[in-house]
Amino acid sequence: MRVALRALLILVFLAPVAFMVIGSLRSPGGAPPKGLELFPRGAGMSAYDRLAEAVPLGTLLKNSALVTFVAVPVTVLIASWAGFATAQLERRPRRAMLTFLVVLLLLPVPVVWVPRFAAYVRLGVLDSYVPLLAPALAATTPFTVLLAYRAFRRVPPELFQAARLEGASAFATWWRVGLPLVRSTTTAIAAIAFAFHWGNYLDALLYVQTPEHRTLPLGVGELAGLDAADFPILLAGAVVLTLPPLLALALVQRRLLGAVDIAGDR
């Protein structure tokens, strides 16, 4: 029964991916299929060739990669710092901080669009990489801080106390004692940050105007205006957009699912 349920869950999540891949192999310009087409006639890579002609694919990929590979380590660093610091607080201030994080997590995202736009205009950084990287300076989402806090709270406090008795600073305690024990959690935070920044469509739409700073989600979104006959080009763009997060997940799945933090065993 467990195997059957897992297989059903996998099929549910992989069905859209399969639809994208199969649809992207159809030749653009033809009549759309009347039903689900598992094996398109004349399947090929022509939609991907047309995709490179429809949008500046190289520039979009370069910009998305630049933003993602800068934002992910910054997110991991800020989230682990904030989570470690919150875990070391006394009970009352710790509860206040956790309540504040939950409130931020429940805050609707559209609430911050206008204040952020005004702040970026005043700072003179609108239409640059800064608005796309700025969320990483706040750990991308409060959820990553809560994940880091939960992991550090599972570490036996005696280890931190012993490090302090040895004269270790807060930074050294975080780096040498805490961080090695929560590697699975930091991997999960990195995966969350990668998925967010690679697929960040709204920030690119709101704060990026010139073609030089456009990212891949924005370029793929513009393909929605194509004719129905050119729908394979849109699906090809969706495949290119989806493939890197899937590959990243495949690379870290052993650590995410198979590895268990030392602290988590206690």
Protein backbone atom coordinates (compact mmCIF):
# COMPACT_ATOMS: atom_id res chain seq x y z
CA MET A 1 0.00 0.00 0.00
CA ARG A 2 2.81 2.41 0.83
CA VAL A 3 4.55 1.71 -2.46
CA ALA A 4 1.30 2.23 -4.35
CA LEU A 5 0.62 5.55 -2.59
CA ARG A 6 4.15 6.75 -3.27
CA ALA A 7 3.87 5.77 -6.94
CA LEU A 8 0.56 7.61 -7.22
CA LEU A 9 2.05 10.72 -5.62
CA ILE A 10 5.02 10.62 -7.98
CA LEU A 11 2.72 10.31 -10.98
CA VAL A 12 0.64 13.28 -9.85
CA PHE A 13 3.71 15.50 -9.56
CA LEU A 14 5.44 14.23 -12.71
CA ALA A 15 2.38 14.46 -14.97
CA PRO A 16 2.81 18.24 -15.66
CA VAL A 17 6.52 17.72 -16.33
CA ALA A 18 5.74 14.92 -18.77
CA PHE A 19 3.12 17.11 -20.47
CA MET A 20 5.69 19.90 -20.91
CA VAL A 21 8.38 17.63 -22.32
CA ILE A 22 6.06 15.81 -24.72
CA GLY A 23 4.43 19.04 -25.89
CA SER A 24 7.81 20.70 -26.46
CA LEU A 25 8.77 17.92 -28.88
CA ARG A 26 5.92 18.77 -31.26
CA SER A 27 6.73 20.83 -34.32
CA PRO A 28 5.61 24.49 -34.05
CA GLY A 29 3.12 25.78 -36.56
CA GLY A 30 0.97 22.68 -36.71
CA ALA A 31 -2.60 22.25 -35.50
CA PRO A 32 -2.85 21.61 -31.75
CA PRO A 33 -3.70 18.00 -30.83
CA LYS A 34 -7.32 17.27 -30.06
CA GLY A 35 -6.45 15.19 -26.99
CA LEU A 36 -3.50 13.98 -24.95
CA GLU A 37 -0.71 13.02 -27.31
CA LEU A 38 1.82 10.68 -25.72
CA PHE A 39 4.00 10.32 -28.81
CA PRO A 40 3.83 13.38 -31.10
CA ARG A 41 4.18 12.78 -34.80
CA GLY A 42 7.37 14.17 -36.20
CA ALA A 43 8.81 14.75 -32.74
CA GLY A 44 11.98 16.80 -32.72
CA MET A 45 13.85 19.74 -31.24
CA SER A 46 12.56 22.39 -33.62
CA ALA A 47 10.64 24.13 -30.82
CA TYR A 48 13.88 24.67 -28.92
CA ASP A 49 15.50 26.13 -32.03
CA ARG A 50 12.55 28.51 -32.40
CA LEU A 51 12.78 29.35 -28.70
CA ALA A 52 16.31 30.68 -29.16
CA GLU A 53 14.97 32.84 -32.01
CA ALA A 54 11.92 34.10 -30.13
CA VAL A 55 13.80 35.30 -27.02
CA PRO A 56 17.46 36.10 -26.23
CA LEU A 57 17.89 32.77 -24.47
CA GLY A 58 21.60 33.18 -23.73
CA THR A 59 21.13 36.54 -22.01
CA LEU A 60 18.15 35.30 -20.02
CA LEU A 61 20.01 32.21 -18.82
CA LYS A 62 23.07 34.25 -17.90
CA ASN A 63 21.06 36.74 -15.84
CA SER A 64 19.08 34.03 -14.05
CA ALA A 65 22.24 32.07 -13.27
CA LEU A 66 23.99 35.19 -11.95
CA VAL A 67 21.11 36.11 -9.65
CA THR A 68 20.63 32.54 -8.42
CA PHE A 69 24.26 31.68 -7.71
CA VAL A 70 24.71 34.90 -5.73
CA ALA A 71 21.38 34.76 -3.89
CA VAL A 72 21.55 31.11 -2.76
CA PRO A 73 24.72 31.33 -0.60
CA VAL A 74 23.60 34.70 0.78
CA THR A 75 20.25 33.18 1.75
CA VAL A 76 21.89 30.21 3.46
CA LEU A 77 24.25 32.53 5.34
CA ILE A 78 21.57 34.96 6.54
CA ALA A 79 19.06 32.23 7.41
CA SER A 80 21.61 30.21 9.39
CA TRP A 81 22.82 33.31 11.23
CA ALA A 82 19.27 34.37 12.12
CA GLY A 83 18.22 30.83 13.07
CA PHE A 84 21.32 30.32 15.22
CA ALA A 85 20.88 33.67 16.97
CA THR A 86 17.18 33.03 17.62
CA ALA A 87 17.94 29.61 19.08
CA GLN A 88 20.34 31.19 21.59
CA LEU A 89 17.82 33.71 22.94
CA GLU A 90 16.09 33.40 26.28
CA ARG A 91 12.58 32.01 26.32
CA ARG A 92 10.59 35.26 26.25
CA PRO A 93 12.55 37.12 23.53
CA ARG A 94 12.75 33.88 21.55
CA ARG A 95 8.96 33.57 21.55
CA ALA A 96 8.65 37.19 20.47
CA MET A 97 11.07 36.62 17.61
CA LEU A 98 9.27 33.46 16.48
CA THR A 99 5.93 35.28 16.59
CA PHE A 100 7.43 38.05 14.48
CA LEU A 101 8.72 35.52 11.93
CA VAL A 102 5.34 33.80 11.69
CA VAL A 103 3.62 37.17 11.17
CA LEU A 104 6.07 37.97 8.38
CA LEU A 105 5.45 34.57 6.85
CA LEU A 106 1.68 35.15 6.83
CA LEU A 107 2.01 38.66 5.41
CA PRO A 108 0.63 38.80 1.82
CA VAL A 109 3.42 39.39 -0.66
CA PRO A 110 1.57 42.15 -2.62
CA VAL A 111 1.69 44.32 0.52
CA VAL A 112 5.42 44.92 0.04
CA TRP A 113 5.40 45.55 -3.71
CA VAL A 114 4.77 49.30 -3.56
CA PRO A 115 7.11 50.04 -0.59
CA ARG A 116 9.87 48.05 -2.27
CA PHE A 117 9.34 49.85 -5.57
CA ALA A 118 9.52 53.24 -3.81
CA ALA A 119 12.64 52.19 -1.90
CA TYR A 120 14.39 50.98 -5.05
CA VAL A 121 13.53 54.21 -6.88
CA ARG A 122 14.83 56.35 -4.02
CA LEU A 123 18.03 54.31 -3.81
CA GLY A 124 18.50 54.48 -7.58
CA VAL A 125 18.77 50.72 -8.00
CA LEU A 126 15.57 50.11 -9.94
CA ASP A 127 16.06 48.19 -13.19
CA SER A 128 19.20 46.43 -11.98
CA TYR A 129 20.16 43.15 -10.35
CA VAL A 130 19.74 44.65 -6.87
CA PRO A 131 15.93 44.19 -6.62
CA LEU A 132 16.35 40.56 -7.67
CA LEU A 133 19.07 39.94 -5.07
CA ALA A 134 17.51 41.96 -2.25
CA PRO A 135 15.24 39.14 -0.95
CA ALA A 136 18.35 37.08 -0.22
CA LEU A 137 19.47 39.71 2.30
CA ALA A 138 16.30 38.85 4.26
CA ALA A 139 16.88 35.08 3.93
CA THR A 140 14.51 35.03 0.91
CA THR A 141 11.56 34.00 3.11
CA PRO A 142 10.98 33.80 6.89
CA PHE A 143 10.38 30.07 6.41
CA THR A 144 14.11 29.48 5.90
CA VAL A 145 14.88 31.21 9.21
CA LEU A 146 12.31 29.01 10.96
CA LEU A 147 13.91 25.92 9.39
CA ALA A 148 17.36 26.98 10.59
CA TYR A 149 16.03 27.82 14.06
CA ARG A 150 14.40 24.39 14.38
CA ALA A 151 17.64 22.67 13.38
CA PHE A 152 19.81 24.63 15.79
CA ARG A 153 17.33 24.07 18.62
CA ARG A 154 17.82 20.32 18.19
CA VAL A 155 21.55 20.62 18.78
CA PRO A 156 22.32 19.77 22.44
CA PRO A 157 22.94 23.08 24.23
CA GLU A 158 25.86 21.50 26.09
CA LEU A 159 27.87 21.64 22.87
CA PHE A 160 27.41 25.40 22.58
CA GLN A 161 28.15 25.89 26.27
CA ALA A 162 31.35 23.87 25.97
CA ALA A 163 32.43 26.00 23.01
CA ARG A 164 31.84 29.18 25.02
CA LEU A 165 33.83 27.80 27.95
CA GLU A 166 36.69 27.19 25.54
CA GLY A 167 36.56 30.87 24.62
CA ALA A 168 34.94 30.49 21.20
CA SER A 169 33.13 33.54 19.86
CA ALA A 170 29.54 33.44 18.65
CA PHE A 171 30.77 33.26 15.05
CA ALA A 172 33.19 30.45 15.82
CA THR A 173 30.49 28.54 17.71
CA TRP A 174 28.13 28.87 14.74
CA TRP A 175 30.79 27.89 12.21
CA ARG A 176 32.58 25.07 14.02
CA VAL A 177 29.86 23.57 16.21
CA GLY A 178 26.40 24.42 14.94
CA LEU A 179 26.70 24.52 11.16
CA PRO A 180 28.32 21.06 10.67
CA LEU A 181 25.43 19.47 12.61
CA VAL A 182 22.65 20.97 10.46
CA ARG A 183 23.95 20.28 6.96
CA SER A 184 20.74 18.63 5.82
CA THR A 185 18.74 21.69 6.86
CA THR A 186 21.12 24.10 5.15
CA THR A 187 20.85 21.95 2.02
CA ALA A 188 17.06 22.25 2.19
CA ILE A 189 17.36 26.03 2.62
CA ALA A 190 19.65 26.21 -0.41
CA ALA A 191 17.14 24.18 -2.45
CA ILE A 192 14.30 26.50 -1.43
CA ALA A 193 16.37 29.58 -2.28
CA PHE A 194 17.40 28.12 -5.65
CA ALA A 195 13.82 27.37 -6.63
CA PHE A 196 12.64 30.82 -5.52
CA HIS A 197 15.30 32.93 -7.23
CA TRP A 198 15.50 30.84 -10.41
CA GLY A 199 11.74 31.09 -10.90
CA ASN A 200 11.26 34.61 -9.50
CA TYR A 201 8.88 36.05 -12.08
CA LEU A 202 7.10 38.79 -10.11
CA ASP A 203 10.17 40.71 -8.97
CA ALA A 204 11.59 40.62 -12.49
CA LEU A 205 8.26 41.84 -13.87
CA LEU A 206 7.92 44.68 -11.34
CA TYR A 207 11.47 45.97 -11.04
CA VAL A 208 13.29 45.10 -14.29
CA GLN A 209 12.63 47.14 -17.42
CA THR A 210 15.61 46.96 -19.78
CA PRO A 211 16.35 43.78 -21.78
CA GLU A 212 19.90 43.60 -20.37
CA HIS A 213 18.63 42.61 -16.91
CA ARG A 214 15.68 40.39 -17.84
CA THR A 215 15.70 36.87 -16.43
CA LEU A 216 14.47 33.58 -17.84
CA PRO A 217 11.03 33.54 -16.10
CA LEU A 218 10.24 36.93 -17.58
CA GLY A 219 11.27 35.82 -21.05
CA VAL A 220 9.24 32.61 -20.83
CA GLY A 221 6.24 34.57 -19.57
CA GLU A 222 6.31 36.73 -22.67
CA LEU A 223 5.90 33.61 -24.81
CA ALA A 224 2.31 33.29 -23.54
CA GLY A 225 1.31 35.73 -26.28
CA LEU A 226 2.22 33.29 -29.06
CA ASP A 227 -0.42 31.70 -31.26
CA ALA A 228 -1.85 28.32 -30.31
CA ALA A 229 0.07 26.77 -33.20
CA ASP A 230 3.33 27.91 -31.58
CA PHE A 231 2.43 26.50 -28.18
CA PRO A 232 5.37 24.00 -28.33
CA ILE A 233 7.74 26.98 -28.14
CA LEU A 234 6.17 28.05 -24.83
CA LEU A 235 6.43 24.49 -23.53
CA ALA A 236 10.08 24.36 -24.61
CA GLY A 237 10.71 27.51 -22.59
CA ALA A 238 8.91 25.96 -19.62
CA VAL A 239 11.14 22.88 -19.88
CA VAL A 240 14.29 25.02 -19.92
CA LEU A 241 12.98 26.92 -16.90
CA THR A 242 12.03 23.76 -14.99
CA LEU A 243 15.05 21.58 -15.72
CA PRO A 244 17.69 23.28 -13.48
CA PRO A 245 15.62 23.06 -10.25
CA LEU A 246 14.86 19.40 -11.00
CA LEU A 247 18.55 18.67 -11.56
CA ALA A 248 19.47 20.53 -8.37
CA LEU A 249 16.92 18.48 -6.44
CA ALA A 250 18.30 15.26 -7.92
CA LEU A 251 21.82 16.23 -6.84
CA VAL A 252 20.86 16.97 -3.22
CA GLN A 253 18.10 14.43 -2.69
CA ARG A 254 20.43 11.98 -0.94
CA ARG A 255 21.33 14.59 1.65
CA LEU A 256 17.75 15.81 1.93
CA LEU A 257 16.07 12.42 2.24
CA GLY A 258 18.74 9.94 3.22
CA ALA A 259 21.03 11.92 5.48
CA VAL A 260 19.84 12.79 8.97
CA ASP A 261 21.30 15.60 11.02
CA ILE A 262 23.18 14.44 14.08
CA ALA A 263 21.00 16.78 16.05
CA GLY A 264 17.88 15.24 14.59
CA ASP A 265 18.68 11.87 16.14
CA ARG A 266 18.38 13.25 19.66
